[in-house]
Amino acid sequence: MYVFLNPGHCPGIDSGAMNGAFTEAEIALSLGEKARRFLQKAGVTVTLLQSDNLAGESPYDLWDAPDMPEVCGCANQSGADIFVSIHLNAAENRSARGTEVLVYQAGGRAERLAEYALTQLVDTGRTWNGDWLSRGVKERPDLAVLRETIMPAILIEVGFLSNDAELAEILAHETEIAAAIARACTDYEQEFLGT
């Protein structure tokens, strides 16, 4: 199996959500790097590319970031079996919490991958917080990383960066979260790729 991991946003260009000194881009990259290591140990081929998710939704001007790779094009050319974008959520309501996984549309292999990811992440979250919330699998056809990729693609919102308590739990359990992301990929592999 070949997995294309896309930690959301890009430090220095698009930090994503922020809470004090913590940025979505940096936490997503840390989770992606850890997930890559777990997948590689399982014999999975992995490409990890952190790229500004606004590319394709709000195209770059050449002066802005001329060398920034366009993540959807790179993923499509890679030959990857699945695409997993890793993000953290944020809301004005600082008590908002939980994990959700986004797909372009319901049905098919992307939704199945999303279900695996949601189950693994919520079950993992409940090992340290029995009240970890599942916000479900949701359709988001407006997101370029889901719309423009040719393989089954999901966008994981691990939890809420804007919720201080949930952020602290995410930071304390990055390794377990990354392992859950990797397990979701191998669960998908067992169902659809016969290994």
N, C-alpha and C. Protein backbone atom coordinates (compact mmCIF):
# COMPACT_ATOMS: atom_id res chain seq x y z
N MET A 1 0.84 -1.19 0.00
CA MET A 1 0.00 0.00 0.00
C MET A 1 0.88 1.24 0.00
N TYR A 2 0.35 2.29 -0.58
CA TYR A 2 1.05 3.57 -0.68
C TYR A 2 0.11 4.66 -0.13
N VAL A 3 0.56 5.34 0.92
CA VAL A 3 -0.24 6.37 1.59
C VAL A 3 0.41 7.73 1.36
N PHE A 4 -0.39 8.70 0.97
CA PHE A 4 0.06 10.09 0.85
C PHE A 4 -0.48 10.85 2.05
N LEU A 5 0.42 11.26 2.94
CA LEU A 5 0.05 12.03 4.13
C LEU A 5 0.25 13.51 3.88
N ASN A 6 -0.74 14.30 4.26
CA ASN A 6 -0.69 15.75 4.07
C ASN A 6 -1.01 16.46 5.38
N PRO A 7 0.01 16.75 6.19
CA PRO A 7 -0.25 17.59 7.36
C PRO A 7 -0.74 18.96 6.91
N GLY A 8 -1.80 19.42 7.50
CA GLY A 8 -2.44 20.64 7.03
C GLY A 8 -1.65 21.91 7.28
N HIS A 9 -1.80 22.82 6.32
CA HIS A 9 -1.23 24.18 6.42
C HIS A 9 0.30 24.13 6.31
N CYS A 10 0.94 25.25 6.55
CA CYS A 10 2.39 25.30 6.33
C CYS A 10 3.01 26.39 7.19
N PRO A 11 3.89 26.03 8.12
CA PRO A 11 4.50 27.05 8.98
C PRO A 11 5.14 28.16 8.15
N GLY A 12 4.92 29.39 8.57
CA GLY A 12 5.51 30.53 7.90
C GLY A 12 4.69 31.07 6.75
N ILE A 13 3.75 30.28 6.24
CA ILE A 13 2.91 30.72 5.13
C ILE A 13 1.45 30.73 5.56
N ASP A 14 1.01 29.64 6.15
CA ASP A 14 -0.38 29.49 6.58
C ASP A 14 -0.37 28.63 7.83
N SER A 15 -0.39 29.26 9.00
CA SER A 15 -0.27 28.51 10.26
C SER A 15 -1.53 27.73 10.60
N GLY A 16 -2.64 28.02 9.94
CA GLY A 16 -3.90 27.39 10.32
C GLY A 16 -4.39 27.97 11.63
N ALA A 17 -5.14 27.18 12.37
CA ALA A 17 -5.66 27.63 13.66
C ALA A 17 -4.51 27.83 14.65
N MET A 18 -4.74 28.72 15.61
CA MET A 18 -3.72 29.00 16.62
C MET A 18 -4.36 29.06 18.00
N ASN A 19 -3.57 28.68 18.99
CA ASN A 19 -3.96 28.83 20.39
C ASN A 19 -2.69 29.17 21.15
N GLY A 20 -2.50 30.44 21.46
CA GLY A 20 -1.25 30.87 22.08
C GLY A 20 -0.09 30.62 21.12
N ALA A 21 0.92 29.94 21.60
CA ALA A 21 2.10 29.65 20.78
C ALA A 21 1.91 28.42 19.90
N PHE A 22 0.81 27.71 20.05
CA PHE A 22 0.60 26.47 19.32
C PHE A 22 -0.12 26.73 18.01
N THR A 23 0.41 26.17 16.91
CA THR A 23 -0.22 26.33 15.60
C THR A 23 -0.64 24.97 15.06
N GLU A 24 -1.72 25.00 14.33
CA GLU A 24 -2.22 23.80 13.67
C GLU A 24 -1.15 23.21 12.76
N ALA A 25 -0.46 24.06 12.00
CA ALA A 25 0.54 23.58 11.05
C ALA A 25 1.62 22.77 11.74
N GLU A 26 2.12 23.24 12.86
CA GLU A 26 3.21 22.54 13.55
C GLU A 26 2.74 21.24 14.20
N ILE A 27 1.57 21.25 14.81
CA ILE A 27 1.06 20.03 15.44
C ILE A 27 0.71 18.99 14.37
N ALA A 28 0.08 19.43 13.28
CA ALA A 28 -0.26 18.51 12.19
C ALA A 28 1.00 17.87 11.61
N LEU A 29 2.06 18.66 11.46
CA LEU A 29 3.32 18.10 10.94
C LEU A 29 3.89 17.06 11.89
N SER A 30 3.87 17.35 13.17
CA SER A 30 4.37 16.39 14.16
C SER A 30 3.58 15.09 14.11
N LEU A 31 2.25 15.19 14.04
CA LEU A 31 1.41 13.99 13.93
C LEU A 31 1.70 13.24 12.64
N GLY A 32 1.85 13.97 11.54
CA GLY A 32 2.13 13.33 10.26
C GLY A 32 3.45 12.59 10.25
N GLU A 33 4.48 13.20 10.82
CA GLU A 33 5.79 12.54 10.87
C GLU A 33 5.74 11.27 11.71
N LYS A 34 5.03 11.32 12.82
CA LYS A 34 4.89 10.13 13.67
C LYS A 34 4.08 9.05 12.95
N ALA A 35 2.98 9.44 12.30
CA ALA A 35 2.17 8.47 11.57
C ALA A 35 2.98 7.83 10.45
N ARG A 36 3.81 8.63 9.77
CA ARG A 36 4.66 8.08 8.71
C ARG A 36 5.56 6.98 9.27
N ARG A 37 6.16 7.22 10.44
CA ARG A 37 7.05 6.21 11.03
C ARG A 37 6.29 4.91 11.34
N PHE A 38 5.08 5.04 11.90
CA PHE A 38 4.29 3.84 12.19
C PHE A 38 3.95 3.09 10.90
N LEU A 39 3.55 3.81 9.87
CA LEU A 39 3.21 3.17 8.61
C LEU A 39 4.41 2.49 7.98
N GLN A 40 5.55 3.16 7.99
CA GLN A 40 6.75 2.57 7.41
C GLN A 40 7.15 1.29 8.15
N LYS A 41 7.00 1.29 9.48
CA LYS A 41 7.29 0.07 10.26
C LYS A 41 6.37 -1.07 9.86
N ALA A 42 5.16 -0.73 9.39
CA ALA A 42 4.20 -1.75 8.96
C ALA A 42 4.41 -2.14 7.49
N GLY A 43 5.46 -1.61 6.87
CA GLY A 43 5.77 -1.96 5.49
C GLY A 43 5.03 -1.16 4.44
N VAL A 44 4.44 -0.04 4.85
CA VAL A 44 3.67 0.81 3.94
C VAL A 44 4.58 1.87 3.34
N THR A 45 4.44 2.12 2.05
CA THR A 45 5.14 3.21 1.39
C THR A 45 4.40 4.51 1.70
N VAL A 46 5.16 5.55 2.07
CA VAL A 46 4.54 6.80 2.49
C VAL A 46 5.24 7.99 1.85
N THR A 47 4.46 8.92 1.35
CA THR A 47 4.95 10.26 1.03
C THR A 47 4.28 11.22 2.00
N LEU A 48 5.07 12.11 2.58
CA LEU A 48 4.54 13.14 3.46
C LEU A 48 4.85 14.48 2.84
N LEU A 49 3.82 15.28 2.61
CA LEU A 49 4.01 16.61 2.05
C LEU A 49 3.10 17.59 2.78
N GLN A 50 3.73 18.52 3.46
CA GLN A 50 2.96 19.60 4.08
C GLN A 50 2.96 20.76 3.11
N SER A 51 1.78 21.20 2.74
CA SER A 51 1.65 22.25 1.75
C SER A 51 0.45 23.10 2.11
N ASP A 52 0.52 24.36 1.81
CA ASP A 52 -0.56 25.28 2.14
C ASP A 52 -1.86 24.79 1.53
N ASN A 53 -2.84 24.49 2.36
CA ASN A 53 -4.10 23.97 1.86
C ASN A 53 -4.91 24.99 1.09
N LEU A 54 -4.49 26.23 1.09
CA LEU A 54 -5.19 27.22 0.29
C LEU A 54 -4.84 27.08 -1.19
N ALA A 55 -3.74 26.39 -1.51
CA ALA A 55 -3.40 26.16 -2.92
C ALA A 55 -4.52 25.36 -3.56
N GLY A 56 -5.02 25.84 -4.65
CA GLY A 56 -6.13 25.17 -5.32
C GLY A 56 -7.48 25.73 -4.90
N GLU A 57 -7.55 26.29 -3.69
CA GLU A 57 -8.78 26.94 -3.25
C GLU A 57 -8.65 28.44 -3.46
N SER A 58 -7.49 28.98 -3.15
CA SER A 58 -7.13 30.37 -3.42
C SER A 58 -5.74 30.33 -4.03
N PRO A 59 -5.62 30.20 -5.34
CA PRO A 59 -4.31 29.95 -5.95
C PRO A 59 -3.27 30.99 -5.56
N TYR A 60 -2.05 30.51 -5.47
CA TYR A 60 -0.93 31.40 -5.15
C TYR A 60 -0.70 32.41 -6.25
N ASP A 61 -0.28 33.59 -5.87
CA ASP A 61 0.37 34.50 -6.80
C ASP A 61 1.82 34.06 -6.86
N LEU A 62 2.49 34.26 -7.98
CA LEU A 62 3.88 33.82 -8.10
C LEU A 62 4.79 34.46 -7.07
N TRP A 63 4.49 35.69 -6.69
CA TRP A 63 5.36 36.35 -5.71
C TRP A 63 5.16 35.80 -4.31
N ASP A 64 4.03 35.16 -4.08
CA ASP A 64 3.70 34.70 -2.73
C ASP A 64 4.50 33.46 -2.33
N ALA A 65 4.45 32.42 -3.13
CA ALA A 65 5.15 31.17 -2.80
C ALA A 65 5.43 30.40 -4.08
N PRO A 66 6.37 30.86 -4.89
CA PRO A 66 6.57 30.26 -6.21
C PRO A 66 7.05 28.81 -6.16
N ASP A 67 7.69 28.40 -5.07
CA ASP A 67 8.23 27.05 -5.01
C ASP A 67 7.37 26.09 -4.20
N MET A 68 6.23 26.54 -3.73
CA MET A 68 5.36 25.69 -2.91
C MET A 68 4.70 24.63 -3.79
N PRO A 69 4.92 23.35 -3.49
CA PRO A 69 4.29 22.31 -4.29
C PRO A 69 2.78 22.31 -4.11
N GLU A 70 2.07 22.00 -5.16
CA GLU A 70 0.62 21.92 -5.12
C GLU A 70 0.27 20.50 -4.71
N VAL A 71 -0.30 20.35 -3.53
CA VAL A 71 -0.42 19.05 -2.89
C VAL A 71 -1.30 18.08 -3.68
N CYS A 72 -2.40 18.54 -4.25
CA CYS A 72 -3.27 17.62 -4.98
C CYS A 72 -2.58 17.06 -6.21
N GLY A 73 -1.91 17.93 -6.96
CA GLY A 73 -1.18 17.46 -8.14
C GLY A 73 -0.08 16.48 -7.77
N CYS A 74 0.65 16.77 -6.71
CA CYS A 74 1.71 15.85 -6.26
C CYS A 74 1.12 14.51 -5.86
N ALA A 75 0.01 14.55 -5.13
CA ALA A 75 -0.63 13.30 -4.71
C ALA A 75 -1.11 12.50 -5.91
N ASN A 76 -1.76 13.17 -6.86
CA ASN A 76 -2.29 12.47 -8.02
C ASN A 76 -1.19 11.84 -8.86
N GLN A 77 -0.05 12.50 -8.94
CA GLN A 77 1.07 11.96 -9.72
C GLN A 77 1.83 10.87 -8.98
N SER A 78 1.62 10.75 -7.69
CA SER A 78 2.41 9.83 -6.87
C SER A 78 2.04 8.37 -7.06
N GLY A 79 0.80 8.11 -7.44
CA GLY A 79 0.33 6.73 -7.51
C GLY A 79 -0.15 6.19 -6.17
N ALA A 80 -0.33 7.06 -5.19
CA ALA A 80 -0.77 6.63 -3.85
C ALA A 80 -2.15 5.99 -3.91
N ASP A 81 -2.36 5.03 -3.01
CA ASP A 81 -3.66 4.37 -2.91
C ASP A 81 -4.67 5.21 -2.15
N ILE A 82 -4.20 5.95 -1.15
CA ILE A 82 -5.09 6.80 -0.35
C ILE A 82 -4.39 8.10 0.01
N PHE A 83 -5.19 9.11 0.32
CA PHE A 83 -4.71 10.44 0.69
C PHE A 83 -5.31 10.78 2.05
N VAL A 84 -4.46 11.15 3.00
CA VAL A 84 -4.92 11.48 4.36
C VAL A 84 -4.37 12.84 4.74
N SER A 85 -5.25 13.82 4.89
CA SER A 85 -4.86 15.16 5.32
C SER A 85 -5.16 15.29 6.81
N ILE A 86 -4.18 15.79 7.57
CA ILE A 86 -4.26 15.84 9.03
C ILE A 86 -4.39 17.29 9.48
N HIS A 87 -5.44 17.58 10.23
CA HIS A 87 -5.73 18.94 10.68
C HIS A 87 -6.18 18.93 12.13
N LEU A 88 -6.29 20.14 12.70
CA LEU A 88 -6.94 20.35 13.98
C LEU A 88 -8.03 21.38 13.76
N ASN A 89 -9.10 21.22 14.46
CA ASN A 89 -10.27 22.08 14.30
C ASN A 89 -10.16 23.31 15.20
N ALA A 90 -11.02 24.28 14.98
CA ALA A 90 -11.10 25.46 15.83
C ALA A 90 -12.51 26.03 15.72
N ALA A 91 -12.93 26.68 16.79
CA ALA A 91 -14.26 27.29 16.81
C ALA A 91 -14.25 28.48 17.76
N GLU A 92 -15.16 29.43 17.50
CA GLU A 92 -15.31 30.55 18.43
C GLU A 92 -15.74 30.07 19.80
N ASN A 93 -16.58 29.05 19.82
CA ASN A 93 -17.00 28.43 21.08
C ASN A 93 -15.84 27.56 21.58
N ARG A 94 -15.13 28.04 22.57
CA ARG A 94 -13.92 27.36 23.03
C ARG A 94 -14.20 26.06 23.77
N SER A 95 -15.47 25.71 23.96
CA SER A 95 -15.79 24.41 24.55
C SER A 95 -16.09 23.36 23.48
N ALA A 96 -16.10 23.76 22.20
CA ALA A 96 -16.30 22.79 21.12
C ALA A 96 -15.19 21.75 21.20
N ARG A 97 -15.54 20.48 20.94
CA ARG A 97 -14.56 19.41 21.10
C ARG A 97 -14.90 18.24 20.21
N GLY A 98 -13.96 17.32 20.09
CA GLY A 98 -14.21 16.07 19.41
C GLY A 98 -13.51 15.94 18.07
N THR A 99 -13.58 14.73 17.55
CA THR A 99 -12.94 14.34 16.29
C THR A 99 -14.00 14.21 15.20
N GLU A 100 -13.68 14.73 14.02
CA GLU A 100 -14.52 14.50 12.85
C GLU A 100 -13.62 14.23 11.66
N VAL A 101 -14.17 13.52 10.68
CA VAL A 101 -13.43 13.20 9.47
C VAL A 101 -14.27 13.62 8.28
N LEU A 102 -13.63 14.32 7.36
CA LEU A 102 -14.32 14.90 6.22
C LEU A 102 -14.03 14.11 4.95
N VAL A 103 -15.06 13.99 4.10
CA VAL A 103 -14.94 13.35 2.79
C VAL A 103 -15.58 14.25 1.75
N TYR A 104 -15.23 14.02 0.49
CA TYR A 104 -15.84 14.80 -0.59
C TYR A 104 -17.33 14.51 -0.66
N GLN A 105 -17.68 13.22 -0.66
CA GLN A 105 -19.09 12.83 -0.68
C GLN A 105 -19.23 11.49 0.02
N ALA A 106 -20.44 11.23 0.49
CA ALA A 106 -20.71 9.97 1.18
C ALA A 106 -20.65 8.81 0.20
N GLY A 107 -20.32 7.65 0.74
CA GLY A 107 -20.29 6.44 -0.05
C GLY A 107 -18.90 6.13 -0.57
N GLY A 108 -18.69 4.90 -0.90
CA GLY A 108 -17.45 4.48 -1.52
C GLY A 108 -16.30 4.31 -0.53
N ARG A 109 -15.13 4.16 -1.11
CA ARG A 109 -13.94 3.84 -0.32
C ARG A 109 -13.48 4.99 0.57
N ALA A 110 -13.66 6.22 0.14
CA ALA A 110 -13.24 7.35 0.98
C ALA A 110 -14.04 7.36 2.28
N GLU A 111 -15.34 7.13 2.18
CA GLU A 111 -16.14 7.11 3.40
C GLU A 111 -15.73 5.95 4.30
N ARG A 112 -15.39 4.82 3.70
CA ARG A 112 -14.95 3.67 4.51
C ARG A 112 -13.65 4.00 5.23
N LEU A 113 -12.70 4.63 4.52
CA LEU A 113 -11.45 5.06 5.15
C LEU A 113 -11.74 6.05 6.27
N ALA A 114 -12.67 6.97 6.04
CA ALA A 114 -13.05 7.95 7.06
C ALA A 114 -13.63 7.26 8.30
N GLU A 115 -14.44 6.24 8.08
CA GLU A 115 -15.01 5.50 9.21
C GLU A 115 -13.92 4.81 10.02
N TYR A 116 -12.95 4.22 9.32
CA TYR A 116 -11.82 3.60 10.03
C TYR A 116 -11.08 4.65 10.86
N ALA A 117 -10.81 5.79 10.26
CA ALA A 117 -10.06 6.84 10.96
C ALA A 117 -10.84 7.34 12.17
N LEU A 118 -12.13 7.59 11.99
CA LEU A 118 -12.94 8.09 13.10
C LEU A 118 -12.97 7.08 14.24
N THR A 119 -13.20 5.82 13.93
CA THR A 119 -13.25 4.78 14.96
C THR A 119 -11.93 4.68 15.70
N GLN A 120 -10.82 4.61 14.96
CA GLN A 120 -9.51 4.48 15.60
C GLN A 120 -9.21 5.68 16.49
N LEU A 121 -9.47 6.88 16.01
CA LEU A 121 -9.14 8.09 16.77
C LEU A 121 -10.03 8.26 18.00
N VAL A 122 -11.31 8.01 17.85
CA VAL A 122 -12.22 8.17 18.99
C VAL A 122 -11.94 7.09 20.03
N ASP A 123 -11.75 5.85 19.59
CA ASP A 123 -11.43 4.78 20.55
C ASP A 123 -10.13 5.09 21.28
N THR A 124 -9.15 5.61 20.56
CA THR A 124 -7.87 5.98 21.19
C THR A 124 -8.07 7.12 22.17
N GLY A 125 -8.80 8.15 21.77
CA GLY A 125 -9.06 9.28 22.67
C GLY A 125 -9.76 8.85 23.94
N ARG A 126 -10.62 7.85 23.83
CA ARG A 126 -11.36 7.39 25.01
C ARG A 126 -10.49 6.59 25.97
N THR A 127 -9.28 6.20 25.56
CA THR A 127 -8.39 5.51 26.50
C THR A 127 -7.85 6.46 27.56
N TRP A 128 -7.78 7.75 27.27
CA TRP A 128 -7.34 8.73 28.27
C TRP A 128 -8.47 9.67 28.69
N ASN A 129 -9.53 9.72 27.90
CA ASN A 129 -10.67 10.56 28.23
C ASN A 129 -11.92 9.81 27.79
N GLY A 130 -12.58 9.17 28.74
CA GLY A 130 -13.73 8.34 28.42
C GLY A 130 -14.86 9.07 27.74
N ASP A 131 -14.79 10.39 27.72
CA ASP A 131 -15.84 11.23 27.14
C ASP A 131 -15.42 11.83 25.79
N TRP A 132 -14.35 11.27 25.16
CA TRP A 132 -13.90 11.81 23.87
C TRP A 132 -15.05 11.74 22.87
N LEU A 133 -15.32 12.83 22.18
CA LEU A 133 -16.52 12.96 21.36
C LEU A 133 -16.25 12.61 19.90
N SER A 134 -17.13 11.79 19.33
CA SER A 134 -17.16 11.56 17.88
C SER A 134 -18.12 12.56 17.26
N ARG A 135 -17.61 13.37 16.33
CA ARG A 135 -18.45 14.32 15.61
C ARG A 135 -18.88 13.77 14.24
N GLY A 136 -18.46 12.54 13.96
CA GLY A 136 -18.92 11.85 12.77
C GLY A 136 -18.11 12.10 11.52
N VAL A 137 -18.57 11.46 10.45
CA VAL A 137 -18.02 11.66 9.11
C VAL A 137 -18.92 12.66 8.41
N LYS A 138 -18.33 13.68 7.80
CA LYS A 138 -19.10 14.75 7.18
C LYS A 138 -18.65 15.01 5.75
N GLU A 139 -19.59 15.37 4.90
CA GLU A 139 -19.28 15.73 3.52
C GLU A 139 -18.78 17.16 3.45
N ARG A 140 -17.69 17.37 2.69
CA ARG A 140 -17.17 18.73 2.45
C ARG A 140 -16.67 18.82 1.01
N PRO A 141 -17.57 18.90 0.04
CA PRO A 141 -17.17 18.95 -1.37
C PRO A 141 -16.45 20.23 -1.76
N ASP A 142 -16.44 21.23 -0.87
CA ASP A 142 -15.79 22.50 -1.17
C ASP A 142 -14.28 22.46 -0.94
N LEU A 143 -13.76 21.45 -0.28
CA LEU A 143 -12.33 21.42 0.06
C LEU A 143 -11.51 20.83 -1.08
N ALA A 144 -10.53 21.59 -1.55
CA ALA A 144 -9.73 21.17 -2.70
C ALA A 144 -9.03 19.84 -2.47
N VAL A 145 -8.51 19.61 -1.27
CA VAL A 145 -7.77 18.36 -1.05
C VAL A 145 -8.67 17.14 -1.13
N LEU A 146 -9.97 17.31 -0.99
CA LEU A 146 -10.91 16.22 -1.16
C LEU A 146 -11.47 16.19 -2.58
N ARG A 147 -11.67 17.35 -3.15
CA ARG A 147 -12.29 17.48 -4.47
C ARG A 147 -11.32 17.16 -5.61
N GLU A 148 -10.06 17.54 -5.46
CA GLU A 148 -9.11 17.47 -6.58
C GLU A 148 -8.21 16.25 -6.56
N THR A 149 -8.32 15.40 -5.56
CA THR A 149 -7.50 14.18 -5.51
C THR A 149 -8.25 13.05 -6.20
N ILE A 150 -7.50 12.14 -6.83
CA ILE A 150 -8.12 11.09 -7.63
C ILE A 150 -8.24 9.76 -6.88
N MET A 151 -7.57 9.66 -5.74
CA MET A 151 -7.67 8.45 -4.92
C MET A 151 -8.62 8.71 -3.75
N PRO A 152 -9.07 7.68 -3.03
CA PRO A 152 -9.87 7.94 -1.84
C PRO A 152 -9.13 8.90 -0.90
N ALA A 153 -9.82 9.97 -0.50
CA ALA A 153 -9.17 11.03 0.28
C ALA A 153 -10.04 11.42 1.47
N ILE A 154 -9.37 11.65 2.60
CA ILE A 154 -10.06 12.12 3.80
C ILE A 154 -9.28 13.27 4.41
N LEU A 155 -9.99 14.08 5.17
CA LEU A 155 -9.36 15.14 5.96
C LEU A 155 -9.79 14.91 7.41
N ILE A 156 -8.80 14.63 8.25
CA ILE A 156 -9.05 14.35 9.67
C ILE A 156 -8.95 15.64 10.46
N GLU A 157 -9.98 15.95 11.22
CA GLU A 157 -9.92 17.02 12.22
C GLU A 157 -9.76 16.30 13.56
N VAL A 158 -8.51 16.19 14.02
CA VAL A 158 -8.19 15.36 15.19
C VAL A 158 -8.96 15.81 16.42
N GLY A 159 -9.02 17.10 16.65
CA GLY A 159 -9.68 17.67 17.81
C GLY A 159 -9.61 19.17 17.71
N PHE A 160 -10.01 19.85 18.77
CA PHE A 160 -10.11 21.31 18.72
C PHE A 160 -8.92 21.99 19.37
N LEU A 161 -8.14 22.67 18.55
CA LEU A 161 -7.02 23.47 19.02
C LEU A 161 -7.51 24.63 19.88
N SER A 162 -8.71 25.09 19.63
CA SER A 162 -9.27 26.23 20.36
C SER A 162 -9.77 25.85 21.75
N ASN A 163 -9.86 24.57 22.04
CA ASN A 163 -10.29 24.08 23.35
C ASN A 163 -9.03 23.74 24.15
N ASP A 164 -8.73 24.53 25.18
CA ASP A 164 -7.48 24.37 25.93
C ASP A 164 -7.30 22.96 26.48
N ALA A 165 -8.37 22.39 27.03
CA ALA A 165 -8.26 21.05 27.62
C ALA A 165 -8.00 20.00 26.54
N GLU A 166 -8.71 20.10 25.42
CA GLU A 166 -8.52 19.12 24.35
C GLU A 166 -7.14 19.28 23.71
N LEU A 167 -6.68 20.51 23.54
CA LEU A 167 -5.34 20.74 23.02
C LEU A 167 -4.30 20.09 23.92
N ALA A 168 -4.43 20.24 25.23
CA ALA A 168 -3.47 19.64 26.16
C ALA A 168 -3.45 18.12 26.01
N GLU A 169 -4.63 17.52 25.82
CA GLU A 169 -4.69 16.06 25.64
C GLU A 169 -4.04 15.64 24.32
N ILE A 170 -4.28 16.39 23.27
CA ILE A 170 -3.67 16.08 21.97
C ILE A 170 -2.15 16.15 22.08
N LEU A 171 -1.64 17.21 22.68
CA LEU A 171 -0.19 17.36 22.82
C LEU A 171 0.42 16.26 23.67
N ALA A 172 -0.29 15.81 24.69
CA ALA A 172 0.22 14.77 25.57
C ALA A 172 0.16 13.38 24.94
N HIS A 173 -0.65 13.23 23.88
CA HIS A 173 -0.88 11.90 23.31
C HIS A 173 -0.64 11.87 21.80
N GLU A 174 0.29 12.66 21.32
CA GLU A 174 0.57 12.70 19.88
C GLU A 174 0.92 11.32 19.33
N THR A 175 1.73 10.57 20.06
CA THR A 175 2.17 9.26 19.56
C THR A 175 0.99 8.32 19.40
N GLU A 176 0.08 8.30 20.38
CA GLU A 176 -1.09 7.43 20.29
C GLU A 176 -2.01 7.87 19.15
N ILE A 177 -2.16 9.17 18.95
CA ILE A 177 -2.99 9.68 17.86
C ILE A 177 -2.40 9.28 16.51
N ALA A 178 -1.10 9.44 16.37
CA ALA A 178 -0.43 9.06 15.12
C ALA A 178 -0.58 7.57 14.86
N ALA A 179 -0.46 6.76 15.90
CA ALA A 179 -0.64 5.32 15.74
C ALA A 179 -2.06 4.99 15.29
N ALA A 180 -3.04 5.72 15.80
CA ALA A 180 -4.43 5.51 15.39
C ALA A 180 -4.63 5.85 13.92
N ILE A 181 -4.01 6.92 13.45
CA ILE A 181 -4.08 7.28 12.03
C ILE A 181 -3.47 6.17 11.19
N ALA A 182 -2.33 5.66 11.61
CA ALA A 182 -1.68 4.57 10.88
C ALA A 182 -2.55 3.32 10.86
N ARG A 183 -3.16 2.98 11.99
CA ARG A 183 -4.03 1.80 12.04
C ARG A 183 -5.23 1.95 11.11
N ALA A 184 -5.77 3.15 11.00
CA ALA A 184 -6.89 3.37 10.08
C ALA A 184 -6.47 3.04 8.65
N CYS A 185 -5.26 3.44 8.29
CA CYS A 185 -4.76 3.16 6.94
C CYS A 185 -4.58 1.67 6.72
N THR A 186 -4.03 0.97 7.71
CA THR A 186 -3.83 -0.48 7.53
C THR A 186 -5.15 -1.24 7.62
N ASP A 187 -6.13 -0.73 8.37
CA ASP A 187 -7.47 -1.33 8.35
C ASP A 187 -8.06 -1.25 6.94
N TYR A 188 -7.91 -0.08 6.32
CA TYR A 188 -8.37 0.11 4.94
C TYR A 188 -7.64 -0.86 4.02
N GLU A 189 -6.34 -0.97 4.18
CA GLU A 189 -5.54 -1.87 3.34
C GLU A 189 -6.06 -3.29 3.44
N GLN A 190 -6.34 -3.76 4.64
CA GLN A 190 -6.82 -5.13 4.81
C GLN A 190 -8.15 -5.35 4.12
N GLU A 191 -9.03 -4.35 4.15
CA GLU A 191 -10.34 -4.52 3.52
C GLU A 191 -10.28 -4.44 2.00
N PHE A 192 -9.53 -3.48 1.48
CA PHE A 192 -9.62 -3.19 0.04
C PHE A 192 -8.42 -3.65 -0.79
N LEU A 193 -7.28 -3.82 -0.17
CA LEU A 193 -6.09 -4.15 -0.96
C LEU A 193 -5.60 -5.56 -0.71
N GLY A 194 -6.32 -6.28 0.13
CA GLY A 194 -6.08 -7.70 0.30
C GLY A 194 -4.75 -8.09 0.91
N THR A 195 -4.20 -7.24 1.80
CA THR A 195 -2.94 -7.62 2.43
C THR A 195 -3.09 -7.67 3.93
